[in-house]
Amino acid sequence: MEALLARTRGALIGVGIGDALGATLEFMTKDEIKYKYGLHTELTGGGYWDLALGEVTDDTAMTIAVARGIISMPEDPVLSIANNFTAWAKSKPKDIGNICKLVLEEGHRRGTCSEAEWLEIAETAHFWSGKRSAGNGSLMRTIPIVLGYFRDRDLMLSLAQRVSALTHFDSIVEKCIRYYCDLVRTVLLEGNLHSVLLQAEQDAPFELDLTTPSDQLNTSGYVVHTLQTALTCVYQTNSFESALTKVVNLGGDADTIGAVTGGLAGAYYGDYGIPSRWLENLVVKDELRELAGNLYKIDYPS
């Protein structure tokens, strides 16, 4: 079971690493990155958000909120997670996605305390935004649900869908969330990353070609683009470091695509596959390691 625990830690810490590495490059094009950094390979902070060394953004903050909600109320964590989201949004974070901001501010204004009302607010925000709620803002935070419930696939998928729907109404997001969670779960439990990805290529709820050249990948915040890019970069590399380096240097929504890539790659390579120089500089490494251990205990209580 030690290997499974290491992969559990790798998946959660991988989200933070991908976020911190990519955040420096967010909103830049790959040509701008090449001109300024050559190849960005270190946690340096800075970037659009003027981050400190090893600091993370909303991707990791919301992932932590999900993990804490699960640990505090594992039987049904949805409302606990929603409360954590609201508390985080009230803290005035540097970075928060448009849909999440719309939903969480309205939920706070209303004092929302039921899942049904959160769903109604998310649907309203979908229309307020011109039906543009198919972003990657719920995908980036879903790894803790896989880690806490991977022994019960049906429950895992149900909770992942419900937590996503708290903020993101578009039906393609639901399909992508279920697909990604199932994929990470399979990698976590069965290994053989490249074989799993080849099968996933056939099962994807969108067009997916894992041989797509990196200069043809789209790094927008659209949930489909995020998954296409993350899965392709993991498939075309053979280590956690090479997958993360490849994907963040494409630019665009680099922190979120990095977080999604890091979650999947970490589930396979484990925390022992994450470069120590990255781990040492990640501000939230100890918290993520502790949360991963507690999530693991939900599936394997001592």
C-alpha atoms as a PDB file:
ATOM      1  CA  MET A   1       0.000   0.000   0.000  1.00  0.00           C
ATOM      2  CA  GLU A   2       2.991   2.345   0.347  1.00  0.00           C
ATOM      3  CA  ALA A   3       3.175   2.743  -3.442  1.00  0.00           C
ATOM      4  CA  LEU A   4      -0.510   3.664  -3.591  1.00  0.00           C
ATOM      5  CA  LEU A   5      -0.055   6.217  -0.805  1.00  0.00           C
ATOM      6  CA  ALA A   6       2.935   7.687  -2.664  1.00  0.00           C
ATOM      7  CA  ARG A   7       0.795   8.055  -5.801  1.00  0.00           C
ATOM      8  CA  THR A   8      -1.955   9.641  -3.726  1.00  0.00           C
ATOM      9  CA  ARG A   9       0.509  12.189  -2.375  1.00  0.00           C
ATOM     10  CA  GLY A  10       1.945  12.656  -5.853  1.00  0.00           C
ATOM     11  CA  ALA A  11      -1.454  13.471  -7.338  1.00  0.00           C
ATOM     12  CA  LEU A  12      -2.321  16.128  -4.771  1.00  0.00           C
ATOM     13  CA  ILE A  13       1.145  17.668  -4.576  1.00  0.00           C
ATOM     14  CA  GLY A  14       1.276  17.492  -8.370  1.00  0.00           C
ATOM     15  CA  VAL A  15      -1.632  19.908  -8.570  1.00  0.00           C
ATOM     16  CA  GLY A  16       0.291  22.428  -6.470  1.00  0.00           C
ATOM     17  CA  ILE A  17       3.526  21.988  -8.403  1.00  0.00           C
ATOM     18  CA  GLY A  18       1.803  22.398 -11.768  1.00  0.00           C
ATOM     19  CA  ASP A  19      -0.013  25.469 -10.497  1.00  0.00           C
ATOM     20  CA  ALA A  20       3.108  27.130  -9.055  1.00  0.00           C
ATOM     21  CA  LEU A  21       5.278  26.314 -12.068  1.00  0.00           C
ATOM     22  CA  GLY A  22       2.680  27.464 -14.578  1.00  0.00           C
ATOM     23  CA  ALA A  23       1.491  30.565 -12.726  1.00  0.00           C
ATOM     24  CA  THR A  24       4.676  32.432 -13.655  1.00  0.00           C
ATOM     25  CA  LEU A  25       3.749  32.009 -17.326  1.00  0.00           C
ATOM     26  CA  GLU A  26      -0.004  32.592 -17.197  1.00  0.00           C
ATOM     27  CA  PHE A  27      -1.350  34.746 -20.055  1.00  0.00           C
ATOM     28  CA  MET A  28       1.951  34.596 -21.961  1.00  0.00           C
ATOM     29  CA  THR A  29       2.344  33.056 -25.415  1.00  0.00           C
ATOM     30  CA  LYS A  30       4.901  30.334 -25.987  1.00  0.00           C
ATOM     31  CA  ASP A  31       6.967  32.773 -28.060  1.00  0.00           C
ATOM     32  CA  GLU A  32       6.944  35.333 -25.246  1.00  0.00           C
ATOM     33  CA  ILE A  33       8.009  32.609 -22.808  1.00  0.00           C
ATOM     34  CA  LYS A  34      10.829  31.492 -25.074  1.00  0.00           C
ATOM     35  CA  TYR A  35      12.056  35.071 -25.462  1.00  0.00           C
ATOM     36  CA  LYS A  36      11.969  35.849 -21.724  1.00  0.00           C
ATOM     37  CA  TYR A  37      12.903  32.510 -20.139  1.00  0.00           C
ATOM     38  CA  GLY A  38      14.230  30.262 -22.872  1.00  0.00           C
ATOM     39  CA  LEU A  39      12.712  27.219 -21.175  1.00  0.00           C
ATOM     40  CA  HIS A  40      10.983  27.790 -17.838  1.00  0.00           C
ATOM     41  CA  THR A  41      11.961  24.914 -15.538  1.00  0.00           C
ATOM     42  CA  GLU A  42      12.013  26.333 -11.990  1.00  0.00           C
ATOM     43  CA  LEU A  43       9.538  27.566  -9.371  1.00  0.00           C
ATOM     44  CA  THR A  44      10.357  31.263  -9.367  1.00  0.00           C
ATOM     45  CA  GLY A  45       7.149  33.133  -8.580  1.00  0.00           C
ATOM     46  CA  GLY A  46       6.609  36.463 -10.310  1.00  0.00           C
ATOM     47  CA  GLY A  47       4.493  36.575 -13.436  1.00  0.00           C
ATOM     48  CA  TYR A  48       1.183  38.371 -13.928  1.00  0.00           C
ATOM     49  CA  TRP A  49       0.167  37.840 -10.279  1.00  0.00           C
ATOM     50  CA  ASP A  50       3.569  38.855  -8.860  1.00  0.00           C
ATOM     51  CA  LEU A  51       3.730  35.670  -6.811  1.00  0.00           C
ATOM     52  CA  ALA A  52       6.308  34.829  -4.185  1.00  0.00           C
ATOM     53  CA  LEU A  53       8.687  31.915  -4.742  1.00  0.00           C
ATOM     54  CA  GLY A  54       6.638  28.695  -4.669  1.00  0.00           C
ATOM     55  CA  GLU A  55       3.326  30.492  -4.147  1.00  0.00           C
ATOM     56  CA  VAL A  56       0.178  28.951  -5.635  1.00  0.00           C
ATOM     57  CA  THR A  57      -3.040  30.384  -7.070  1.00  0.00           C
ATOM     58  CA  ASP A  58      -6.756  29.591  -7.059  1.00  0.00           C
ATOM     59  CA  ASP A  59      -6.154  26.155  -8.567  1.00  0.00           C
ATOM     60  CA  THR A  60      -4.463  24.854  -5.439  1.00  0.00           C
ATOM     61  CA  ALA A  61      -6.506  26.981  -3.028  1.00  0.00           C
ATOM     62  CA  MET A  62      -9.765  25.504  -4.304  1.00  0.00           C
ATOM     63  CA  THR A  63      -8.252  22.015  -4.354  1.00  0.00           C
ATOM     64  CA  ILE A  64      -7.352  22.442  -0.682  1.00  0.00           C
ATOM     65  CA  ALA A  65     -10.893  23.665   0.016  1.00  0.00           C
ATOM     66  CA  VAL A  66     -12.270  20.478  -1.544  1.00  0.00           C
ATOM     67  CA  ALA A  67      -9.862  18.270   0.386  1.00  0.00           C
ATOM     68  CA  ARG A  68     -10.690  19.925   3.706  1.00  0.00           C
ATOM     69  CA  GLY A  69     -14.414  19.593   3.008  1.00  0.00           C
ATOM     70  CA  ILE A  70     -14.077  15.884   2.293  1.00  0.00           C
ATOM     71  CA  ILE A  71     -12.000  15.241   5.397  1.00  0.00           C
ATOM     72  CA  SER A  72     -14.374  17.154   7.667  1.00  0.00           C
ATOM     73  CA  MET A  73     -17.518  15.437   6.345  1.00  0.00           C
ATOM     74  CA  PRO A  74     -16.620  12.373   4.244  1.00  0.00           C
ATOM     75  CA  GLU A  75     -20.167  10.934   4.223  1.00  0.00           C
ATOM     76  CA  ASP A  76     -21.419  13.844   2.084  1.00  0.00           C
ATOM     77  CA  PRO A  77     -18.955  16.724   1.774  1.00  0.00           C
ATOM     78  CA  VAL A  78     -20.701  18.894  -0.828  1.00  0.00           C
ATOM     79  CA  LEU A  79     -22.031  21.635   1.452  1.00  0.00           C
ATOM     80  CA  SER A  80     -18.852  21.651   3.525  1.00  0.00           C
ATOM     81  CA  ILE A  81     -16.899  22.189   0.305  1.00  0.00           C
ATOM     82  CA  ALA A  82     -19.264  24.980  -0.778  1.00  0.00           C
ATOM     83  CA  ASN A  83     -18.757  26.709   2.576  1.00  0.00           C
ATOM     84  CA  ASN A  84     -14.997  26.436   2.142  1.00  0.00           C
ATOM     85  CA  PHE A  85     -15.254  27.970  -1.328  1.00  0.00           C
ATOM     86  CA  THR A  86     -17.245  30.894   0.036  1.00  0.00           C
ATOM     87  CA  ALA A  87     -14.800  31.513   2.877  1.00  0.00           C
ATOM     88  CA  TRP A  88     -11.897  31.437   0.440  1.00  0.00           C
ATOM     89  CA  ALA A  89     -13.612  33.851  -1.986  1.00  0.00           C
ATOM     90  CA  LYS A  90     -14.272  36.264   0.913  1.00  0.00           C
ATOM     91  CA  SER A  91     -10.530  36.347   1.628  1.00  0.00           C
ATOM     92  CA  LYS A  92     -10.026  38.355  -1.595  1.00  0.00           C
ATOM     93  CA  PRO A  93      -7.591  35.987  -3.340  1.00  0.00           C
ATOM     94  CA  LYS A  94      -5.304  37.318  -6.044  1.00  0.00           C
ATOM     95  CA  ASP A  95      -6.749  34.995  -8.662  1.00  0.00           C
ATOM     96  CA  ILE A  96     -10.319  33.720  -9.015  1.00  0.00           C
ATOM     97  CA  GLY A  97     -12.043  32.600 -12.214  1.00  0.00           C
ATOM     98  CA  ASN A  98     -14.952  34.600 -13.588  1.00  0.00           C
ATOM     99  CA  ILE A  99     -17.611  31.924 -13.147  1.00  0.00           C
ATOM    100  CA  CYS A 100     -16.421  31.007  -9.650  1.00  0.00           C
ATOM    101  CA  LYS A 101     -16.401  34.690  -8.721  1.00  0.00           C
ATOM    102  CA  LEU A 102     -19.951  35.202  -9.994  1.00  0.00           C
ATOM    103  CA  VAL A 103     -21.316  32.145  -8.211  1.00  0.00           C
ATOM    104  CA  LEU A 104     -19.478  32.486  -4.922  1.00  0.00           C
ATOM    105  CA  GLU A 105     -20.168  36.198  -4.513  1.00  0.00           C
ATOM    106  CA  GLU A 106     -23.863  35.639  -5.173  1.00  0.00           C
ATOM    107  CA  GLY A 107     -23.928  32.648  -2.830  1.00  0.00           C
ATOM    108  CA  HIS A 108     -22.316  34.726  -0.120  1.00  0.00           C
ATOM    109  CA  ARG A 109     -24.748  37.595  -0.706  1.00  0.00           C
ATOM    110  CA  ARG A 110     -27.700  35.233  -0.311  1.00  0.00           C
ATOM    111  CA  GLY A 111     -26.249  33.257   2.581  1.00  0.00           C
ATOM    112  CA  THR A 112     -26.810  30.090   0.564  1.00  0.00           C
ATOM    113  CA  CYS A 113     -27.063  26.950   2.682  1.00  0.00           C
ATOM    114  CA  SER A 114     -28.529  24.298   0.381  1.00  0.00           C
ATOM    115  CA  GLU A 115     -27.121  22.399  -2.569  1.00  0.00           C
ATOM    116  CA  ALA A 116     -30.252  23.123  -4.617  1.00  0.00           C
ATOM    117  CA  GLU A 117     -29.735  26.860  -4.236  1.00  0.00           C
ATOM    118  CA  TRP A 118     -26.076  26.603  -5.215  1.00  0.00           C
ATOM    119  CA  LEU A 119     -27.143  24.768  -8.371  1.00  0.00           C
ATOM    120  CA  GLU A 120     -29.692  27.476  -9.153  1.00  0.00           C
ATOM    121  CA  ILE A 121     -27.041  30.168  -8.717  1.00  0.00           C
ATOM    122  CA  ALA A 122     -24.626  28.264 -10.980  1.00  0.00           C
ATOM    123  CA  GLU A 123     -27.307  28.004 -13.665  1.00  0.00           C
ATOM    124  CA  THR A 124     -28.044  31.727 -13.363  1.00  0.00           C
ATOM    125  CA  ALA A 125     -24.326  32.547 -13.627  1.00  0.00           C
ATOM    126  CA  HIS A 126     -24.186  30.429 -16.785  1.00  0.00           C
ATOM    127  CA  PHE A 127     -26.684  32.760 -18.436  1.00  0.00           C
ATOM    128  CA  TRP A 128     -25.194  35.919 -16.881  1.00  0.00           C
ATOM    129  CA  SER A 129     -21.907  34.974 -18.527  1.00  0.00           C
ATOM    130  CA  GLY A 130     -23.483  34.519 -21.961  1.00  0.00           C
ATOM    131  CA  LYS A 131     -23.556  30.717 -21.552  1.00  0.00           C
ATOM    132  CA  ARG A 132     -19.796  30.653 -21.064  1.00  0.00           C
ATOM    133  CA  SER A 133     -19.471  28.390 -18.030  1.00  0.00           C
ATOM    134  CA  ALA A 134     -17.463  25.655 -19.756  1.00  0.00           C
ATOM    135  CA  GLY A 135     -14.188  26.765 -18.249  1.00  0.00           C
ATOM    136  CA  ASN A 136     -11.671  24.580 -16.419  1.00  0.00           C
ATOM    137  CA  GLY A 137     -12.321  26.063 -12.974  1.00  0.00           C
ATOM    138  CA  SER A 138     -13.987  22.959 -11.544  1.00  0.00           C
ATOM    139  CA  LEU A 139     -11.683  20.503 -13.316  1.00  0.00           C
ATOM    140  CA  MET A 140      -8.593  21.924 -11.613  1.00  0.00           C
ATOM    141  CA  ARG A 141      -9.938  21.212  -8.109  1.00  0.00           C
ATOM    142  CA  THR A 142     -11.354  17.690  -8.530  1.00  0.00           C
ATOM    143  CA  ILE A 143      -8.344  15.494  -7.649  1.00  0.00           C
ATOM    144  CA  PRO A 144      -9.207  15.240  -3.896  1.00  0.00           C
ATOM    145  CA  ILE A 145     -12.499  13.536  -4.780  1.00  0.00           C
ATOM    146  CA  VAL A 146     -10.618  10.816  -6.645  1.00  0.00           C
ATOM    147  CA  LEU A 147      -8.202  10.373  -3.754  1.00  0.00           C
ATOM    148  CA  GLY A 148     -10.910  10.170  -1.107  1.00  0.00           C
ATOM    149  CA  TYR A 149     -13.280   7.807  -2.900  1.00  0.00           C
ATOM    150  CA  PHE A 150     -11.339   5.773  -5.461  1.00  0.00           C
ATOM    151  CA  ARG A 151     -12.514   2.461  -3.974  1.00  0.00           C
ATOM    152  CA  ASP A 152     -16.125   3.361  -4.808  1.00  0.00           C
ATOM    153  CA  ARG A 153     -16.160   4.496  -8.438  1.00  0.00           C
ATOM    154  CA  ASP A 154     -19.865   5.318  -8.564  1.00  0.00           C
ATOM    155  CA  LEU A 155     -19.690   7.461  -5.441  1.00  0.00           C
ATOM    156  CA  MET A 156     -16.539   9.158  -6.713  1.00  0.00           C
ATOM    157  CA  LEU A 157     -18.169  10.094 -10.015  1.00  0.00           C
ATOM    158  CA  SER A 158     -21.375  11.261  -8.339  1.00  0.00           C
ATOM    159  CA  LEU A 159     -19.543  13.507  -5.879  1.00  0.00           C
ATOM    160  CA  ALA A 160     -17.236  14.870  -8.570  1.00  0.00           C
ATOM    161  CA  GLN A 161     -20.251  15.842 -10.653  1.00  0.00           C
ATOM    162  CA  ARG A 162     -22.044  17.453  -7.694  1.00  0.00           C
ATOM    163  CA  VAL A 163     -19.019  19.464  -6.561  1.00  0.00           C
ATOM    164  CA  SER A 164     -18.362  20.664 -10.093  1.00  0.00           C
ATOM    165  CA  ALA A 165     -21.996  21.711 -10.497  1.00  0.00           C
ATOM    166  CA  LEU A 166     -21.738  24.043  -7.502  1.00  0.00           C
ATOM    167  CA  THR A 167     -20.133  26.560  -9.850  1.00  0.00           C
ATOM    168  CA  HIS A 168     -20.105  25.217 -13.422  1.00  0.00           C
ATOM    169  CA  PHE A 169     -23.428  24.553 -15.153  1.00  0.00           C
ATOM    170  CA  ASP A 170     -22.372  23.633 -18.703  1.00  0.00           C
ATOM    171  CA  SER A 171     -22.947  19.955 -19.534  1.00  0.00           C
ATOM    172  CA  ILE A 172     -19.558  19.507 -21.246  1.00  0.00           C
ATOM    173  CA  VAL A 173     -17.888  20.292 -17.927  1.00  0.00           C
ATOM    174  CA  GLU A 174     -19.758  17.435 -16.256  1.00  0.00           C
ATOM    175  CA  LYS A 175     -18.620  15.040 -18.995  1.00  0.00           C
ATOM    176  CA  CYS A 176     -15.022  16.184 -18.713  1.00  0.00           C
ATOM    177  CA  ILE A 177     -15.017  15.968 -14.906  1.00  0.00           C
ATOM    178  CA  ARG A 178     -16.289  12.389 -14.940  1.00  0.00           C
ATOM    179  CA  TYR A 179     -13.832  11.435 -17.675  1.00  0.00           C
ATOM    180  CA  TYR A 180     -10.817  12.967 -15.919  1.00  0.00           C
ATOM    181  CA  CYS A 181     -11.695  11.474 -12.533  1.00  0.00           C
ATOM    182  CA  ASP A 182     -12.142   8.021 -14.053  1.00  0.00           C
ATOM    183  CA  LEU A 183      -8.827   8.358 -15.878  1.00  0.00           C
ATOM    184  CA  VAL A 184      -6.884   9.467 -12.785  1.00  0.00           C
ATOM    185  CA  ARG A 185      -8.496   6.674 -10.751  1.00  0.00           C
ATOM    186  CA  THR A 186      -7.464   4.071 -13.334  1.00  0.00           C
ATOM    187  CA  VAL A 187      -3.892   5.367 -13.411  1.00  0.00           C
ATOM    188  CA  LEU A 188      -3.776   5.479  -9.616  1.00  0.00           C
ATOM    189  CA  LEU A 189      -4.927   1.877  -9.240  1.00  0.00           C
ATOM    190  CA  GLU A 190      -3.659   0.118 -12.355  1.00  0.00           C
ATOM    191  CA  GLY A 191      -0.581   1.974 -13.475  1.00  0.00           C
ATOM    192  CA  ASN A 192       0.784   1.709 -17.053  1.00  0.00           C
ATOM    193  CA  LEU A 193       0.134   5.336 -17.827  1.00  0.00           C
ATOM    194  CA  HIS A 194       0.585   5.232 -21.582  1.00  0.00           C
ATOM    195  CA  SER A 195      -1.691   2.212 -22.057  1.00  0.00           C
ATOM    196  CA  VAL A 196      -4.379   3.875 -19.955  1.00  0.00           C
ATOM    197  CA  LEU A 197      -4.075   7.064 -21.997  1.00  0.00           C
ATOM    198  CA  LEU A 198      -4.366   5.180 -25.295  1.00  0.00           C
ATOM    199  CA  GLN A 199      -7.619   3.652 -24.109  1.00  0.00           C
ATOM    200  CA  ALA A 200      -8.736   7.045 -22.831  1.00  0.00           C
ATOM    201  CA  GLU A 201      -8.138   8.466 -26.300  1.00  0.00           C
ATOM    202  CA  GLN A 202     -10.941   6.213 -27.562  1.00  0.00           C
ATOM    203  CA  ASP A 203     -13.276   6.979 -24.644  1.00  0.00           C
ATOM    204  CA  ALA A 204     -12.903  10.772 -24.547  1.00  0.00           C
ATOM    205  CA  PRO A 205     -16.112  12.853 -24.725  1.00  0.00           C
ATOM    206  CA  PHE A 206     -14.318  15.134 -27.202  1.00  0.00           C
ATOM    207  CA  GLU A 207     -11.885  14.767 -30.078  1.00  0.00           C
ATOM    208  CA  LEU A 208      -8.500  13.613 -28.758  1.00  0.00           C
ATOM    209  CA  ASP A 209      -5.338  12.824 -30.686  1.00  0.00           C
ATOM    210  CA  LEU A 210      -2.435  12.131 -28.349  1.00  0.00           C
ATOM    211  CA  THR A 211       0.080  12.534 -31.176  1.00  0.00           C
ATOM    212  CA  THR A 212      -0.885  16.177 -31.805  1.00  0.00           C
ATOM    213  CA  PRO A 213       2.265  18.338 -32.054  1.00  0.00           C
ATOM    214  CA  SER A 214       2.601  20.701 -29.117  1.00  0.00           C
ATOM    215  CA  ASP A 215       2.504  23.792 -31.331  1.00  0.00           C
ATOM    216  CA  GLN A 216      -1.022  22.784 -32.355  1.00  0.00           C
ATOM    217  CA  LEU A 217      -2.386  22.427 -28.810  1.00  0.00           C
ATOM    218  CA  ASN A 218      -4.776  25.053 -27.493  1.00  0.00           C
ATOM    219  CA  THR A 219      -4.047  26.496 -24.043  1.00  0.00           C
ATOM    220  CA  SER A 220      -7.243  28.459 -23.478  1.00  0.00           C
ATOM    221  CA  GLY A 221      -9.312  28.098 -20.322  1.00  0.00           C
ATOM    222  CA  TYR A 222     -11.959  25.994 -22.104  1.00  0.00           C
ATOM    223  CA  VAL A 223     -12.271  22.697 -20.243  1.00  0.00           C
ATOM    224  CA  VAL A 224     -11.906  20.595 -23.405  1.00  0.00           C
ATOM    225  CA  HIS A 225      -8.744  22.411 -24.477  1.00  0.00           C
ATOM    226  CA  THR A 226      -7.277  21.948 -21.004  1.00  0.00           C
ATOM    227  CA  LEU A 227      -7.811  18.198 -21.063  1.00  0.00           C
ATOM    228  CA  GLN A 228      -6.616  17.786 -24.646  1.00  0.00           C
ATOM    229  CA  THR A 229      -3.402  19.626 -23.835  1.00  0.00           C
ATOM    230  CA  ALA A 230      -2.768  18.012 -20.447  1.00  0.00           C
ATOM    231  CA  LEU A 231      -3.327  14.438 -21.635  1.00  0.00           C
ATOM    232  CA  THR A 232      -1.273  14.919 -24.775  1.00  0.00           C
ATOM    233  CA  CYS A 233       1.706  16.344 -22.891  1.00  0.00           C
ATOM    234  CA  VAL A 234       1.618  13.522 -20.327  1.00  0.00           C
ATOM    235  CA  TYR A 235       1.430  10.931 -23.109  1.00  0.00           C
ATOM    236  CA  GLN A 236       4.327  12.434 -25.055  1.00  0.00           C
ATOM    237  CA  THR A 237       6.724  12.494 -22.083  1.00  0.00           C
ATOM    238  CA  ASN A 238       8.188   9.929 -19.707  1.00  0.00           C
ATOM    239  CA  SER A 239       8.547  11.703 -16.359  1.00  0.00           C
ATOM    240  CA  PHE A 240       6.671  14.077 -14.075  1.00  0.00           C
ATOM    241  CA  GLU A 241       9.233  16.788 -14.719  1.00  0.00           C
ATOM    242  CA  SER A 242       9.164  16.509 -18.504  1.00  0.00           C
ATOM    243  CA  ALA A 243       5.345  16.484 -18.608  1.00  0.00           C
ATOM    244  CA  LEU A 244       5.042  19.608 -16.468  1.00  0.00           C
ATOM    245  CA  THR A 245       7.860  21.452 -18.212  1.00  0.00           C
ATOM    246  CA  LYS A 246       6.391  20.684 -21.619  1.00  0.00           C
ATOM    247  CA  VAL A 247       2.877  21.795 -20.770  1.00  0.00           C
ATOM    248  CA  VAL A 248       3.527  25.040 -18.885  1.00  0.00           C
ATOM    249  CA  ASN A 249       5.906  26.348 -21.540  1.00  0.00           C
ATOM    250  CA  LEU A 250       2.994  26.382 -23.974  1.00  0.00           C
ATOM    251  CA  GLY A 251       1.672  29.393 -22.038  1.00  0.00           C
ATOM    252  CA  GLY A 252      -1.942  30.529 -21.997  1.00  0.00           C
ATOM    253  CA  ASP A 253      -3.820  29.279 -18.942  1.00  0.00           C
ATOM    254  CA  ALA A 254      -0.566  27.719 -17.809  1.00  0.00           C
ATOM    255  CA  ASP A 255      -1.302  27.451 -14.082  1.00  0.00           C
ATOM    256  CA  THR A 256      -4.575  25.560 -14.474  1.00  0.00           C
ATOM    257  CA  ILE A 257      -3.393  23.332 -17.309  1.00  0.00           C
ATOM    258  CA  GLY A 258      -0.273  22.703 -15.232  1.00  0.00           C
ATOM    259  CA  ALA A 259      -2.394  21.778 -12.211  1.00  0.00           C
ATOM    260  CA  VAL A 260      -4.516  19.331 -14.226  1.00  0.00           C
ATOM    261  CA  THR A 261      -1.395  17.821 -15.786  1.00  0.00           C
ATOM    262  CA  GLY A 262       0.304  17.591 -12.396  1.00  0.00           C
ATOM    263  CA  GLY A 263      -2.634  15.775 -10.844  1.00  0.00           C
ATOM    264  CA  LEU A 264      -2.615  13.088 -13.511  1.00  0.00           C
ATOM    265  CA  ALA A 265       1.163  12.761 -13.780  1.00  0.00           C
ATOM    266  CA  GLY A 266       1.538  12.682  -9.992  1.00  0.00           C
ATOM    267  CA  ALA A 267      -1.008   9.872  -9.733  1.00  0.00           C
ATOM    268  CA  TYR A 268       1.345   7.755 -11.831  1.00  0.00           C
ATOM    269  CA  TYR A 269       4.856   8.873 -10.914  1.00  0.00           C
ATOM    270  CA  GLY A 270       4.112   9.412  -7.208  1.00  0.00           C
ATOM    271  CA  ASP A 271       5.632  11.987  -4.911  1.00  0.00           C
ATOM    272  CA  TYR A 272       9.006  10.284  -5.305  1.00  0.00           C
ATOM    273  CA  GLY A 273       8.855  11.222  -9.008  1.00  0.00           C
ATOM    274  CA  ILE A 274       8.569  14.947  -8.284  1.00  0.00           C
ATOM    275  CA  PRO A 275      11.931  16.773  -8.422  1.00  0.00           C
ATOM    276  CA  SER A 276      13.121  17.635  -4.933  1.00  0.00           C
ATOM    277  CA  ARG A 277      14.051  21.169  -5.978  1.00  0.00           C
ATOM    278  CA  TRP A 278      10.399  21.786  -6.850  1.00  0.00           C
ATOM    279  CA  LEU A 279       9.114  20.223  -3.643  1.00  0.00           C
ATOM    280  CA  GLU A 280      11.485  22.248  -1.481  1.00  0.00           C
ATOM    281  CA  ASN A 281      10.171  25.531  -2.862  1.00  0.00           C
ATOM    282  CA  LEU A 282       6.433  24.748  -2.909  1.00  0.00           C
ATOM    283  CA  VAL A 283       4.888  26.871  -0.155  1.00  0.00           C
ATOM    284  CA  VAL A 284       2.003  24.475   0.584  1.00  0.00           C
ATOM    285  CA  LYS A 285       3.912  21.193   0.278  1.00  0.00           C
ATOM    286  CA  ASP A 286       3.448  20.148   3.918  1.00  0.00           C
ATOM    287  CA  GLU A 287      -0.247  20.927   3.901  1.00  0.00           C
ATOM    288  CA  LEU A 288      -0.806  19.008   0.666  1.00  0.00           C
ATOM    289  CA  ARG A 289       1.145  16.019   1.958  1.00  0.00           C
ATOM    290  CA  GLU A 290      -0.927  15.934   5.159  1.00  0.00           C
ATOM    291  CA  LEU A 291      -4.209  16.335   3.293  1.00  0.00           C
ATOM    292  CA  ALA A 292      -3.272  13.525   0.897  1.00  0.00           C
ATOM    293  CA  GLY A 293      -2.598  11.208   3.811  1.00  0.00           C
ATOM    294  CA  ASN A 294      -5.958  12.029   5.368  1.00  0.00           C
ATOM    295  CA  LEU A 295      -7.786  11.518   2.085  1.00  0.00           C
ATOM    296  CA  TYR A 296      -6.088   8.145   1.698  1.00  0.00           C
ATOM    297  CA  LYS A 297      -7.336   7.123   5.153  1.00  0.00           C
ATOM    298  CA  ILE A 298     -10.954   7.593   4.008  1.00  0.00           C
ATOM    299  CA  ASP A 299     -10.441   4.737   1.551  1.00  0.00           C
ATOM    300  CA  TYR A 300      -8.032   2.761   3.764  1.00  0.00           C
ATOM    301  CA  PRO A 301      -8.825   3.527   7.415  1.00  0.00           C
ATOM    302  CA  SER A 302      -6.220   2.170   9.830  1.00  0.00           C
END
